[in-house]
Amino acid sequence: MAYAVRVLAEPSSLGDEDIAELREHGWSDQIIADTVGLVSLNLLTGSFNLVAGLEPGCAIGEVLGMVIGTALGWGNVATIVLAVALAFVFLLTTPVNKWLIGRGSGHAVVHAYHH
């Protein structure tokens, strides 16, 4: 996960040593490249969603699905199906949670993240 965050936040800081370390942890070149591709794709779709005014929860679900599928070594089809399913779930639950928070309820309020 730290690698994906660095690809997003500070890609120029990654070097040969980082790739070697990932390989030592069992990451194949395909998984390393897929991670870069997924982060890039989700940055693009997230930016589009913001400009289009779409719910950010949808992008969160999509990213989560891609990360889980990649971490489990699933193929592209299974990973995309999971990402789309989670994006749909987050798309539905984000407005409901906002509505609940606005009325003093919801998961985040119960755990004191919103006041």
PDB file of N, CA and C in Angstrom:
ATOM      1  N   MET A   1       0.827  -1.183   0.000  1.00  0.00           N
ATOM      2  CA  MET A   1       0.000   0.000   0.000  1.00  0.00           C
ATOM      3  C   MET A   1       0.877   1.255   0.000  1.00  0.00           C
ATOM      4  N   ALA A   2       1.970   1.239   0.750  1.00  0.00           N
ATOM      5  CA  ALA A   2       2.856   2.402   0.799  1.00  0.00           C
ATOM      6  C   ALA A   2       3.414   2.710  -0.586  1.00  0.00           C
ATOM      7  N   TYR A   3       3.693   1.669  -1.349  1.00  0.00           N
ATOM      8  CA  TYR A   3       4.202   1.867  -2.710  1.00  0.00           C
ATOM      9  C   TYR A   3       3.165   2.599  -3.552  1.00  0.00           C
ATOM     10  N   ALA A   4       1.905   2.179  -3.486  1.00  0.00           N
ATOM     11  CA  ALA A   4       0.842   2.823  -4.258  1.00  0.00           C
ATOM     12  C   ALA A   4       0.685   4.285  -3.857  1.00  0.00           C
ATOM     13  N   VAL A   5       0.789   4.570  -2.583  1.00  0.00           N
ATOM     14  CA  VAL A   5       0.679   5.957  -2.106  1.00  0.00           C
ATOM     15  C   VAL A   5       1.836   6.790  -2.645  1.00  0.00           C
ATOM     16  N   ARG A   6       3.030   6.221  -2.657  1.00  0.00           N
ATOM     17  CA  ARG A   6       4.187   6.966  -3.187  1.00  0.00           C
ATOM     18  C   ARG A   6       4.062   7.172  -4.684  1.00  0.00           C
ATOM     19  N   VAL A   7       3.526   6.190  -5.401  1.00  0.00           N
ATOM     20  CA  VAL A   7       3.303   6.358  -6.840  1.00  0.00           C
ATOM     21  C   VAL A   7       2.382   7.553  -7.068  1.00  0.00           C
ATOM     22  N   LEU A   8       1.396   7.708  -6.222  1.00  0.00           N
ATOM     23  CA  LEU A   8       0.450   8.818  -6.350  1.00  0.00           C
ATOM     24  C   LEU A   8       1.051  10.144  -5.881  1.00  0.00           C
ATOM     25  N   ALA A   9       1.635  10.150  -4.693  1.00  0.00           N
ATOM     26  CA  ALA A   9       2.030  11.405  -4.057  1.00  0.00           C
ATOM     27  C   ALA A   9       3.403  11.918  -4.473  1.00  0.00           C
ATOM     28  N   GLU A  10       4.337  11.018  -4.687  1.00  0.00           N
ATOM     29  CA  GLU A  10       5.707  11.448  -5.005  1.00  0.00           C
ATOM     30  C   GLU A  10       6.393  10.445  -5.928  1.00  0.00           C
ATOM     31  N   PRO A  11       5.887  10.289  -7.140  1.00  0.00           N
ATOM     32  CA  PRO A  11       6.421   9.262  -8.041  1.00  0.00           C
ATOM     33  C   PRO A  11       7.904   9.424  -8.371  1.00  0.00           C
ATOM     34  N   SER A  12       8.400  10.654  -8.388  1.00  0.00           N
ATOM     35  CA  SER A  12       9.809  10.852  -8.737  1.00  0.00           C
ATOM     36  C   SER A  12      10.752  10.375  -7.638  1.00  0.00           C
ATOM     37  N   SER A  13      10.198  10.075  -6.442  1.00  0.00           N
ATOM     38  CA  SER A  13      11.052   9.593  -5.354  1.00  0.00           C
ATOM     39  C   SER A  13      11.342   8.101  -5.451  1.00  0.00           C
ATOM     40  N   LEU A  14      10.642   7.395  -6.318  1.00  0.00           N
ATOM     41  CA  LEU A  14      10.831   5.954  -6.454  1.00  0.00           C
ATOM     42  C   LEU A  14      12.045   5.657  -7.330  1.00  0.00           C
ATOM     43  N   GLY A  15      12.841   4.706  -6.880  1.00  0.00           N
ATOM     44  CA  GLY A  15      14.040   4.355  -7.633  1.00  0.00           C
ATOM     45  C   GLY A  15      14.219   2.849  -7.736  1.00  0.00           C
ATOM     46  N   ASP A  16      15.341   2.462  -8.273  1.00  0.00           N
ATOM     47  CA  ASP A  16      15.650   1.042  -8.459  1.00  0.00           C
ATOM     48  C   ASP A  16      15.641   0.277  -7.135  1.00  0.00           C
ATOM     49  N   GLU A  17      16.089   0.933  -6.062  1.00  0.00           N
ATOM     50  CA  GLU A  17      16.113   0.277  -4.743  1.00  0.00           C
ATOM     51  C   GLU A  17      14.699  -0.101  -4.292  1.00  0.00           C
ATOM     52  N   ASP A  18      13.732   0.792  -4.576  1.00  0.00           N
ATOM     53  CA  ASP A  18      12.339   0.523  -4.190  1.00  0.00           C
ATOM     54  C   ASP A  18      11.779  -0.676  -4.949  1.00  0.00           C
ATOM     55  N   ILE A  19      12.082  -0.745  -6.238  1.00  0.00           N
ATOM     56  CA  ILE A  19      11.616  -1.866  -7.053  1.00  0.00           C
ATOM     57  C   ILE A  19      12.266  -3.164  -6.569  1.00  0.00           C
ATOM     58  N   ALA A  20      13.548  -3.110  -6.253  1.00  0.00           N
ATOM     59  CA  ALA A  20      14.252  -4.296  -5.752  1.00  0.00           C
ATOM     60  C   ALA A  20      13.632  -4.761  -4.439  1.00  0.00           C
ATOM     61  N   GLU A  21      13.275  -3.825  -3.579  1.00  0.00           N
ATOM     62  CA  GLU A  21      12.653  -4.181  -2.300  1.00  0.00           C
ATOM     63  C   GLU A  21      11.291  -4.846  -2.514  1.00  0.00           C
ATOM     64  N   LEU A  22      10.504  -4.326  -3.456  1.00  0.00           N
ATOM     65  CA  LEU A  22       9.217  -4.949  -3.762  1.00  0.00           C
ATOM     66  C   LEU A  22       9.409  -6.376  -4.269  1.00  0.00           C
ATOM     67  N   ARG A  23      10.409  -6.566  -5.126  1.00  0.00           N
ATOM     68  CA  ARG A  23      10.695  -7.909  -5.637  1.00  0.00           C
ATOM     69  C   ARG A  23      11.106  -8.853  -4.509  1.00  0.00           C
ATOM     70  N   GLU A  24      11.862  -8.338  -3.540  1.00  0.00           N
ATOM     71  CA  GLU A  24      12.261  -9.154  -2.381  1.00  0.00           C
ATOM     72  C   GLU A  24      11.046  -9.606  -1.578  1.00  0.00           C
ATOM     73  N   HIS A  25       9.986  -8.806  -1.618  1.00  0.00           N
ATOM     74  CA  HIS A  25       8.751  -9.154  -0.903  1.00  0.00           C
ATOM     75  C   HIS A  25       7.807  -9.989  -1.757  1.00  0.00           C
ATOM     76  N   GLY A  26       8.286 -10.435  -2.919  1.00  0.00           N
ATOM     77  CA  GLY A  26       7.503 -11.338  -3.751  1.00  0.00           C
ATOM     78  C   GLY A  26       6.655 -10.676  -4.820  1.00  0.00           C
ATOM     79  N   TRP A  27       6.822  -9.367  -5.022  1.00  0.00           N
ATOM     80  CA  TRP A  27       6.061  -8.678  -6.063  1.00  0.00           C
ATOM     81  C   TRP A  27       6.685  -8.995  -7.418  1.00  0.00           C
ATOM     82  N   SER A  28       5.854  -9.407  -8.357  1.00  0.00           N
ATOM     83  CA  SER A  28       6.341  -9.629  -9.716  1.00  0.00           C
ATOM     84  C   SER A  28       6.363  -8.295 -10.463  1.00  0.00           C
ATOM     85  N   ASP A  29       7.054  -8.272 -11.598  1.00  0.00           N
ATOM     86  CA  ASP A  29       7.076  -7.065 -12.421  1.00  0.00           C
ATOM     87  C   ASP A  29       5.667  -6.693 -12.870  1.00  0.00           C
ATOM     88  N   GLN A  30       4.841  -7.702 -13.135  1.00  0.00           N
ATOM     89  CA  GLN A  30       3.467  -7.423 -13.568  1.00  0.00           C
ATOM     90  C   GLN A  30       2.678  -6.727 -12.460  1.00  0.00           C
ATOM     91  N   ILE A  31       2.811  -7.185 -11.223  1.00  0.00           N
ATOM     92  CA  ILE A  31       2.080  -6.558 -10.116  1.00  0.00           C
ATOM     93  C   ILE A  31       2.594  -5.139  -9.879  1.00  0.00           C
ATOM     94  N   ILE A  32       3.893  -4.935  -9.990  1.00  0.00           N
ATOM     95  CA  ILE A  32       4.459  -3.590  -9.827  1.00  0.00           C
ATOM     96  C   ILE A  32       3.902  -2.666 -10.909  1.00  0.00           C
ATOM     97  N   ALA A  33       3.912  -3.123 -12.148  1.00  0.00           N
ATOM     98  CA  ALA A  33       3.395  -2.314 -13.260  1.00  0.00           C
ATOM     99  C   ALA A  33       1.889  -2.103 -13.138  1.00  0.00           C
ATOM    100  N   ASP A  34       1.147  -3.141 -12.740  1.00  0.00           N
ATOM    101  CA  ASP A  34      -0.306  -3.009 -12.562  1.00  0.00           C
ATOM    102  C   ASP A  34      -0.638  -1.979 -11.495  1.00  0.00           C
ATOM    103  N   THR A  35       0.159  -1.946 -10.439  1.00  0.00           N
ATOM    104  CA  THR A  35      -0.082  -0.978  -9.365  1.00  0.00           C
ATOM    105  C   THR A  35       0.072   0.448  -9.895  1.00  0.00           C
ATOM    106  N   VAL A  36       1.121   0.689 -10.667  1.00  0.00           N
ATOM    107  CA  VAL A  36       1.318   2.021 -11.267  1.00  0.00           C
ATOM    108  C   VAL A  36       0.141   2.351 -12.187  1.00  0.00           C
ATOM    109  N   GLY A  37      -0.258   1.386 -13.000  1.00  0.00           N
ATOM    110  CA  GLY A  37      -1.383   1.608 -13.913  1.00  0.00           C
ATOM    111  C   GLY A  37      -2.682   1.889 -13.183  1.00  0.00           C
ATOM    112  N   LEU A  38      -2.956   1.144 -12.118  1.00  0.00           N
ATOM    113  CA  LEU A  38      -4.192   1.336 -11.372  1.00  0.00           C
ATOM    114  C   LEU A  38      -4.220   2.683 -10.654  1.00  0.00           C
ATOM    115  N   VAL A  39      -3.095   3.056 -10.074  1.00  0.00           N
ATOM    116  CA  VAL A  39      -3.032   4.359  -9.403  1.00  0.00           C
ATOM    117  C   VAL A  39      -3.254   5.470 -10.430  1.00  0.00           C
ATOM    118  N   SER A  40      -2.618   5.364 -11.582  1.00  0.00           N
ATOM    119  CA  SER A  40      -2.766   6.376 -12.632  1.00  0.00           C
ATOM    120  C   SER A  40      -4.204   6.445 -13.136  1.00  0.00           C
ATOM    121  N   LEU A  41      -4.786   5.290 -13.378  1.00  0.00           N
ATOM    122  CA  LEU A  41      -6.168   5.233 -13.851  1.00  0.00           C
ATOM    123  C   LEU A  41      -7.125   5.844 -12.830  1.00  0.00           C
ATOM    124  N   ASN A  42      -6.926   5.527 -11.573  1.00  0.00           N
ATOM    125  CA  ASN A  42      -7.821   6.048 -10.545  1.00  0.00           C
ATOM    126  C   ASN A  42      -7.605   7.535 -10.299  1.00  0.00           C
ATOM    127  N   LEU A  43      -6.400   8.032 -10.495  1.00  0.00           N
ATOM    128  CA  LEU A  43      -6.166   9.477 -10.424  1.00  0.00           C
ATOM    129  C   LEU A  43      -6.940  10.172 -11.538  1.00  0.00           C
ATOM    130  N   LEU A  44      -6.884   9.600 -12.733  1.00  0.00           N
ATOM    131  CA  LEU A  44      -7.608  10.164 -13.869  1.00  0.00           C
ATOM    132  C   LEU A  44      -9.123  10.129 -13.637  1.00  0.00           C
ATOM    133  N   THR A  45      -9.653   8.975 -13.242  1.00  0.00           N
ATOM    134  CA  THR A  45     -11.107   8.883 -13.051  1.00  0.00           C
ATOM    135  C   THR A  45     -11.562   9.703 -11.853  1.00  0.00           C
ATOM    136  N   GLY A  46     -10.730   9.771 -10.807  1.00  0.00           N
ATOM    137  CA  GLY A  46     -11.086  10.598  -9.658  1.00  0.00           C
ATOM    138  C   GLY A  46     -11.153  12.067 -10.031  1.00  0.00           C
ATOM    139  N   SER A  47     -10.202  12.530 -10.833  1.00  0.00           N
ATOM    140  CA  SER A  47     -10.220  13.926 -11.297  1.00  0.00           C
ATOM    141  C   SER A  47     -11.447  14.187 -12.153  1.00  0.00           C
ATOM    142  N   PHE A  48     -11.761  13.254 -13.040  1.00  0.00           N
ATOM    143  CA  PHE A  48     -12.959  13.392 -13.873  1.00  0.00           C
ATOM    144  C   PHE A  48     -14.211  13.452 -13.005  1.00  0.00           C
ATOM    145  N   ASN A  49     -14.289  12.574 -12.013  1.00  0.00           N
ATOM    146  CA  ASN A  49     -15.461  12.550 -11.137  1.00  0.00           C
ATOM    147  C   ASN A  49     -15.634  13.873 -10.397  1.00  0.00           C
ATOM    148  N   LEU A  50     -14.537  14.468  -9.942  1.00  0.00           N
ATOM    149  CA  LEU A  50     -14.617  15.752  -9.246  1.00  0.00           C
ATOM    150  C   LEU A  50     -15.131  16.843 -10.172  1.00  0.00           C
ATOM    151  N   VAL A  51     -14.600  16.883 -11.395  1.00  0.00           N
ATOM    152  CA  VAL A  51     -15.028  17.894 -12.360  1.00  0.00           C
ATOM    153  C   VAL A  51     -16.498  17.677 -12.746  1.00  0.00           C
ATOM    154  N   ALA A  52     -16.899  16.413 -12.863  1.00  0.00           N
ATOM    155  CA  ALA A  52     -18.280  16.091 -13.251  1.00  0.00           C
ATOM    156  C   ALA A  52     -19.259  16.203 -12.084  1.00  0.00           C
ATOM    157  N   GLY A  53     -18.740  16.399 -10.867  1.00  0.00           N
ATOM    158  CA  GLY A  53     -19.611  16.535  -9.709  1.00  0.00           C
ATOM    159  C   GLY A  53     -20.160  15.214  -9.190  1.00  0.00           C
ATOM    160  N   LEU A  54     -19.482  14.117  -9.482  1.00  0.00           N
ATOM    161  CA  LEU A  54     -19.945  12.804  -9.021  1.00  0.00           C
ATOM    162  C   LEU A  54     -19.505  12.563  -7.589  1.00  0.00           C
ATOM    163  N   GLU A  55     -20.172  11.667  -6.924  1.00  0.00           N
ATOM    164  CA  GLU A  55     -19.867  11.347  -5.529  1.00  0.00           C
ATOM    165  C   GLU A  55     -18.462  10.779  -5.397  1.00  0.00           C
ATOM    166  N   PRO A  56     -17.667  11.279  -4.432  1.00  0.00           N
ATOM    167  CA  PRO A  56     -16.318  10.737  -4.251  1.00  0.00           C
ATOM    168  C   PRO A  56     -16.326   9.314  -3.723  1.00  0.00           C
ATOM    169  N   GLY A  57     -17.393   8.894  -3.090  1.00  0.00           N
ATOM    170  CA  GLY A  57     -17.470   7.529  -2.567  1.00  0.00           C
ATOM    171  C   GLY A  57     -17.318   6.483  -3.646  1.00  0.00           C
ATOM    172  N   CYS A  58     -17.807   6.793  -4.826  1.00  0.00           N
ATOM    173  CA  CYS A  58     -17.700   5.868  -5.954  1.00  0.00           C
ATOM    174  C   CYS A  58     -16.234   5.597  -6.283  1.00  0.00           C
ATOM    175  N   ALA A  59     -15.418   6.636  -6.312  1.00  0.00           N
ATOM    176  CA  ALA A  59     -13.986   6.474  -6.596  1.00  0.00           C
ATOM    177  C   ALA A  59     -13.295   5.701  -5.488  1.00  0.00           C
ATOM    178  N   ILE A  60     -13.707   5.914  -4.252  1.00  0.00           N
ATOM    179  CA  ILE A  60     -13.118   5.183  -3.125  1.00  0.00           C
ATOM    180  C   ILE A  60     -13.373   3.687  -3.294  1.00  0.00           C
ATOM    181  N   GLY A  61     -14.590   3.322  -3.654  1.00  0.00           N
ATOM    182  CA  GLY A  61     -14.918   1.918  -3.876  1.00  0.00           C
ATOM    183  C   GLY A  61     -14.128   1.320  -5.015  1.00  0.00           C
ATOM    184  N   GLU A  62     -13.959   2.098  -6.072  1.00  0.00           N
ATOM    185  CA  GLU A  62     -13.202   1.622  -7.227  1.00  0.00           C
ATOM    186  C   GLU A  62     -11.745   1.367  -6.854  1.00  0.00           C
ATOM    187  N   VAL A  63     -11.129   2.309  -6.172  1.00  0.00           N
ATOM    188  CA  VAL A  63      -9.737   2.154  -5.763  1.00  0.00           C
ATOM    189  C   VAL A  63      -9.587   0.965  -4.818  1.00  0.00           C
ATOM    190  N   LEU A  64     -10.494   0.856  -3.860  1.00  0.00           N
ATOM    191  CA  LEU A  64     -10.445  -0.249  -2.902  1.00  0.00           C
ATOM    192  C   LEU A  64     -10.526  -1.595  -3.623  1.00  0.00           C
ATOM    193  N   GLY A  65     -11.419  -1.704  -4.584  1.00  0.00           N
ATOM    194  CA  GLY A  65     -11.546  -2.944  -5.348  1.00  0.00           C
ATOM    195  C   GLY A  65     -10.285  -3.280  -6.113  1.00  0.00           C
ATOM    196  N   MET A  66      -9.674  -2.275  -6.721  1.00  0.00           N
ATOM    197  CA  MET A  66      -8.440  -2.503  -7.478  1.00  0.00           C
ATOM    198  C   MET A  66      -7.299  -2.918  -6.556  1.00  0.00           C
ATOM    199  N   VAL A  67      -7.201  -2.271  -5.398  1.00  0.00           N
ATOM    200  CA  VAL A  67      -6.133  -2.616  -4.445  1.00  0.00           C
ATOM    201  C   VAL A  67      -6.320  -4.038  -3.927  1.00  0.00           C
ATOM    202  N   ILE A  68      -7.539  -4.397  -3.545  1.00  0.00           N
ATOM    203  CA  ILE A  68      -7.808  -5.735  -3.012  1.00  0.00           C
ATOM    204  C   ILE A  68      -7.535  -6.788  -4.075  1.00  0.00           C
ATOM    205  N   GLY A  69      -8.062  -6.585  -5.281  1.00  0.00           N
ATOM    206  CA  GLY A  69      -7.857  -7.563  -6.355  1.00  0.00           C
ATOM    207  C   GLY A  69      -6.394  -7.751  -6.705  1.00  0.00           C
ATOM    208  N   THR A  70      -5.652  -6.647  -6.761  1.00  0.00           N
ATOM    209  CA  THR A  70      -4.223  -6.732  -7.074  1.00  0.00           C
ATOM    210  C   THR A  70      -3.454  -7.419  -5.951  1.00  0.00           C
ATOM    211  N   ALA A  71      -3.773  -7.055  -4.710  1.00  0.00           N
ATOM    212  CA  ALA A  71      -3.076  -7.657  -3.559  1.00  0.00           C
ATOM    213  C   ALA A  71      -3.318  -9.162  -3.488  1.00  0.00           C
ATOM    214  N   LEU A  72      -4.509  -9.596  -3.886  1.00  0.00           N
ATOM    215  CA  LEU A  72      -4.828 -11.025  -3.849  1.00  0.00           C
ATOM    216  C   LEU A  72      -4.343 -11.766  -5.087  1.00  0.00           C
ATOM    217  N   GLY A  73      -3.779 -11.014  -6.044  1.00  0.00           N
ATOM    218  CA  GLY A  73      -3.263 -11.644  -7.255  1.00  0.00           C
ATOM    219  C   GLY A  73      -4.346 -12.095  -8.210  1.00  0.00           C
ATOM    220  N   TRP A  74      -5.529 -11.484  -8.126  1.00  0.00           N
ATOM    221  CA  TRP A  74      -6.628 -11.844  -9.017  1.00  0.00           C
ATOM    222  C   TRP A  74      -6.333 -11.346 -10.423  1.00  0.00           C
ATOM    223  N   GLY A  75      -6.975 -11.952 -11.386  1.00  0.00           N
ATOM    224  CA  GLY A  75      -6.851 -11.507 -12.770  1.00  0.00           C
ATOM    225  C   GLY A  75      -7.589 -10.194 -12.990  1.00  0.00           C
ATOM    226  N   ASN A  76      -7.419  -9.641 -14.180  1.00  0.00           N
ATOM    227  CA  ASN A  76      -8.024  -8.351 -14.495  1.00  0.00           C
ATOM    228  C   ASN A  76      -9.545  -8.368 -14.405  1.00  0.00           C
ATOM    229  N   VAL A  77     -10.184  -9.402 -14.942  1.00  0.00           N
ATOM    230  CA  VAL A  77     -11.646  -9.440 -14.956  1.00  0.00           C
ATOM    231  C   VAL A  77     -12.200  -9.484 -13.535  1.00  0.00           C
ATOM    232  N   ALA A  78     -11.672 -10.361 -12.700  1.00  0.00           N
ATOM    233  CA  ALA A  78     -12.160 -10.463 -11.322  1.00  0.00           C
ATOM    234  C   ALA A  78     -11.921  -9.163 -10.555  1.00  0.00           C
ATOM    235  N   THR A  79     -10.768  -8.550 -10.764  1.00  0.00           N
ATOM    236  CA  THR A  79     -10.450  -7.298 -10.078  1.00  0.00           C
ATOM    237  C   THR A  79     -11.379  -6.179 -10.522  1.00  0.00           C
ATOM    238  N   ILE A  80     -11.644  -6.095 -11.805  1.00  0.00           N
ATOM    239  CA  ILE A  80     -12.545  -5.058 -12.325  1.00  0.00           C
ATOM    240  C   ILE A  80     -13.963  -5.281 -11.833  1.00  0.00           C
ATOM    241  N   VAL A  81     -14.421  -6.526 -11.803  1.00  0.00           N
ATOM    242  CA  VAL A  81     -15.762  -6.817 -11.287  1.00  0.00           C
ATOM    243  C   VAL A  81     -15.869  -6.380  -9.827  1.00  0.00           C
ATOM    244  N   LEU A  82     -14.864  -6.691  -9.013  1.00  0.00           N
ATOM    245  CA  LEU A  82     -14.873  -6.269  -7.617  1.00  0.00           C
ATOM    246  C   LEU A  82     -14.868  -4.744  -7.513  1.00  0.00           C
ATOM    247  N   ALA A  83     -14.040  -4.078  -8.308  1.00  0.00           N
ATOM    248  CA  ALA A  83     -13.954  -2.610  -8.267  1.00  0.00           C
ATOM    249  C   ALA A  83     -15.285  -1.972  -8.647  1.00  0.00           C
ATOM    250  N   VAL A  84     -15.933  -2.490  -9.680  1.00  0.00           N
ATOM    251  CA  VAL A  84     -17.229  -1.940 -10.098  1.00  0.00           C
ATOM    252  C   VAL A  84     -18.287  -2.189  -9.027  1.00  0.00           C
ATOM    253  N   ALA A  85     -18.272  -3.385  -8.443  1.00  0.00           N
ATOM    254  CA  ALA A  85     -19.249  -3.694  -7.384  1.00  0.00           C
ATOM    255  C   ALA A  85     -19.062  -2.772  -6.180  1.00  0.00           C
ATOM    256  N   LEU A  86     -17.813  -2.577  -5.751  1.00  0.00           N
ATOM    257  CA  LEU A  86     -17.566  -1.689  -4.604  1.00  0.00           C
ATOM    258  C   LEU A  86     -17.866  -0.239  -4.945  1.00  0.00           C
ATOM    259  N   ALA A  87     -17.573   0.175  -6.175  1.00  0.00           N
ATOM    260  CA  ALA A  87     -17.908   1.542  -6.586  1.00  0.00           C
ATOM    261  C   ALA A  87     -19.419   1.748  -6.505  1.00  0.00           C
ATOM    262  N   PHE A  88     -20.183   0.766  -6.953  1.00  0.00           N
ATOM    263  CA  PHE A  88     -21.648   0.844  -6.898  1.00  0.00           C
ATOM    264  C   PHE A  88     -22.137   0.906  -5.458  1.00  0.00           C
ATOM    265  N   VAL A  89     -21.566   0.060  -4.599  1.00  0.00           N
ATOM    266  CA  VAL A  89     -21.955   0.062  -3.186  1.00  0.00           C
ATOM    267  C   VAL A  89     -21.645   1.412  -2.542  1.00  0.00           C
ATOM    268  N   PHE A  90     -20.434   1.931  -2.782  1.00  0.00           N
ATOM    269  CA  PHE A  90     -20.066   3.227  -2.208  1.00  0.00           C
ATOM    270  C   PHE A  90     -20.922   4.349  -2.787  1.00  0.00           C
ATOM    271  N   LEU A  91     -21.288   4.238  -4.074  1.00  0.00           N
ATOM    272  CA  LEU A  91     -22.137   5.242  -4.699  1.00  0.00           C
ATOM    273  C   LEU A  91     -23.485   5.309  -3.991  1.00  0.00           C
ATOM    274  N   LEU A  92     -24.004   4.157  -3.590  1.00  0.00           N
ATOM    275  CA  LEU A  92     -25.295   4.110  -2.889  1.00  0.00           C
ATOM    276  C   LEU A  92     -25.184   4.512  -1.425  1.00  0.00           C
ATOM    277  N   THR A  93     -24.117   4.092  -0.764  1.00  0.00           N
ATOM    278  CA  THR A  93     -24.032   4.309   0.682  1.00  0.00           C
ATOM    279  C   THR A  93     -23.539   5.698   1.077  1.00  0.00           C
ATOM    280  N   THR A  94     -22.756   6.349   0.228  1.00  0.00           N
ATOM    281  CA  THR A  94     -22.232   7.671   0.587  1.00  0.00           C
ATOM    282  C   THR A  94     -23.346   8.698   0.811  1.00  0.00           C
ATOM    283  N   PRO A  95     -24.313   8.850  -0.104  1.00  0.00           N
ATOM    284  CA  PRO A  95     -25.394   9.819   0.157  1.00  0.00           C
ATOM    285  C   PRO A  95     -26.242   9.441   1.368  1.00  0.00           C
ATOM    286  N   VAL A  96     -26.443   8.145   1.578  1.00  0.00           N
ATOM    287  CA  VAL A  96     -27.231   7.703   2.738  1.00  0.00           C
ATOM    288  C   VAL A  96     -26.491   8.070   4.024  1.00  0.00           C
ATOM    289  N   ASN A  97     -25.181   7.840   4.059  1.00  0.00           N
ATOM    290  CA  ASN A  97     -24.411   8.177   5.248  1.00  0.00           C
ATOM    291  C   ASN A  97     -24.393   9.691   5.481  1.00  0.00           C
ATOM    292  N   LYS A  98     -24.264  10.482   4.410  1.00  0.00           N
ATOM    293  CA  LYS A  98     -24.322  11.938   4.556  1.00  0.00           C
ATOM    294  C   LYS A  98     -25.668  12.371   5.134  1.00  0.00           C
ATOM    295  N   TRP A  99     -26.734  11.747   4.652  1.00  0.00           N
ATOM    296  CA  TRP A  99     -28.086  12.057   5.137  1.00  0.00           C
ATOM    297  C   TRP A  99     -28.189  11.713   6.625  1.00  0.00           C
ATOM    298  N   LEU A 100     -27.666  10.547   7.018  1.00  0.00           N
ATOM    299  CA  LEU A 100     -27.709  10.139   8.421  1.00  0.00           C
ATOM    300  C   LEU A 100     -26.868  11.064   9.298  1.00  0.00           C
ATOM    301  N   ILE A 101     -25.673  11.439   8.833  1.00  0.00           N
ATOM    302  CA  ILE A 101     -24.812  12.343   9.599  1.00  0.00           C
ATOM    303  C   ILE A 101     -25.518  13.684   9.797  1.00  0.00           C
ATOM    304  N   GLY A 102     -26.190  14.166   8.767  1.00  0.00           N
ATOM    305  CA  GLY A 102     -26.918  15.427   8.855  1.00  0.00           C
ATOM    306  C   GLY A 102     -28.042  15.399   9.878  1.00  0.00           C
ATOM    307  N   ARG A 103     -28.488  14.224  10.233  1.00  0.00           N
ATOM    308  CA  ARG A 103     -29.560  14.062  11.206  1.00  0.00           C
ATOM    309  C   ARG A 103     -29.053  13.539  12.546  1.00  0.00           C
ATOM    310  N   GLY A 104     -27.720  13.615  12.729  1.00  0.00           N
ATOM    311  CA  GLY A 104     -27.139  13.212  14.010  1.00  0.00           C
ATOM    312  C   GLY A 104     -26.974  11.718  14.176  1.00  0.00           C
ATOM    313  N   SER A 105     -26.977  10.969  13.083  1.00  0.00           N
ATOM    314  CA  SER A 105     -26.811   9.510  13.130  1.00  0.00           C
ATOM    315  C   SER A 105     -25.669   9.098  12.211  1.00  0.00           C
ATOM    316  N   GLY A 106     -25.638   7.827  11.908  1.00  0.00           N
ATOM    317  CA  GLY A 106     -24.663   7.315  10.967  1.00  0.00           C
ATOM    318  C   GLY A 106     -23.438   6.750  11.647  1.00  0.00           C
ATOM    319  N   HIS A 107     -22.740   5.940  10.915  1.00  0.00           N
ATOM    320  CA  HIS A 107     -21.570   5.230  11.425  1.00  0.00           C
ATOM    321  C   HIS A 107     -20.517   6.184  11.969  1.00  0.00           C
ATOM    322  N   ALA A 108     -20.189   7.236  11.209  1.00  0.00           N
ATOM    323  CA  ALA A 108     -19.137   8.172  11.644  1.00  0.00           C
ATOM    324  C   ALA A 108     -19.534   8.910  12.914  1.00  0.00           C
ATOM    325  N   VAL A 109     -20.802   9.268  13.039  1.00  0.00           N
ATOM    326  CA  VAL A 109     -21.263   9.993  14.235  1.00  0.00           C
ATOM    327  C   VAL A 109     -21.204   9.073  15.455  1.00  0.00           C
ATOM    328  N   VAL A 110     -21.619   7.839  15.256  1.00  0.00           N
ATOM    329  CA  VAL A 110     -21.605   6.874  16.357  1.00  0.00           C
ATOM    330  C   VAL A 110     -20.195   6.708  16.908  1.00  0.00           C
ATOM    331  N   HIS A 111     -19.213   6.766  16.031  1.00  0.00           N
ATOM    332  CA  HIS A 111     -17.812   6.620  16.441  1.00  0.00           C
ATOM    333  C   HIS A 111     -17.125   7.961  16.679  1.00  0.00           C
ATOM    334  N   ALA A 112     -17.898   9.027  16.787  1.00  0.00           N
ATOM    335  CA  ALA A 112     -17.447  10.379  17.165  1.00  0.00           C
ATOM    336  C   ALA A 112     -16.472  11.012  16.173  1.00  0.00           C
ATOM    337  N   TYR A 113     -16.598  10.681  14.866  1.00  0.00           N
ATOM    338  CA  TYR A 113     -15.762  11.326  13.875  1.00  0.00           C
ATOM    339  C   TYR A 113     -16.382  12.636  13.386  1.00  0.00           C
ATOM    340  N   HIS A 114     -17.683  12.792  13.591  1.00  0.00           N
ATOM    341  CA  HIS A 114     -18.379  14.033  13.229  1.00  0.00           C
ATOM    342  C   HIS A 114     -19.154  14.501  14.435  1.00  0.00           C
ATOM    343  N   HIS A 115     -19.251  15.800  14.598  1.00  0.00           N
ATOM    344  CA  HIS A 115     -19.971  16.347  15.751  1.00  0.00           C
ATOM    345  C   HIS A 115     -21.060  17.290  15.285  1.00  0.00           C
TER     346      HIS A 115
END
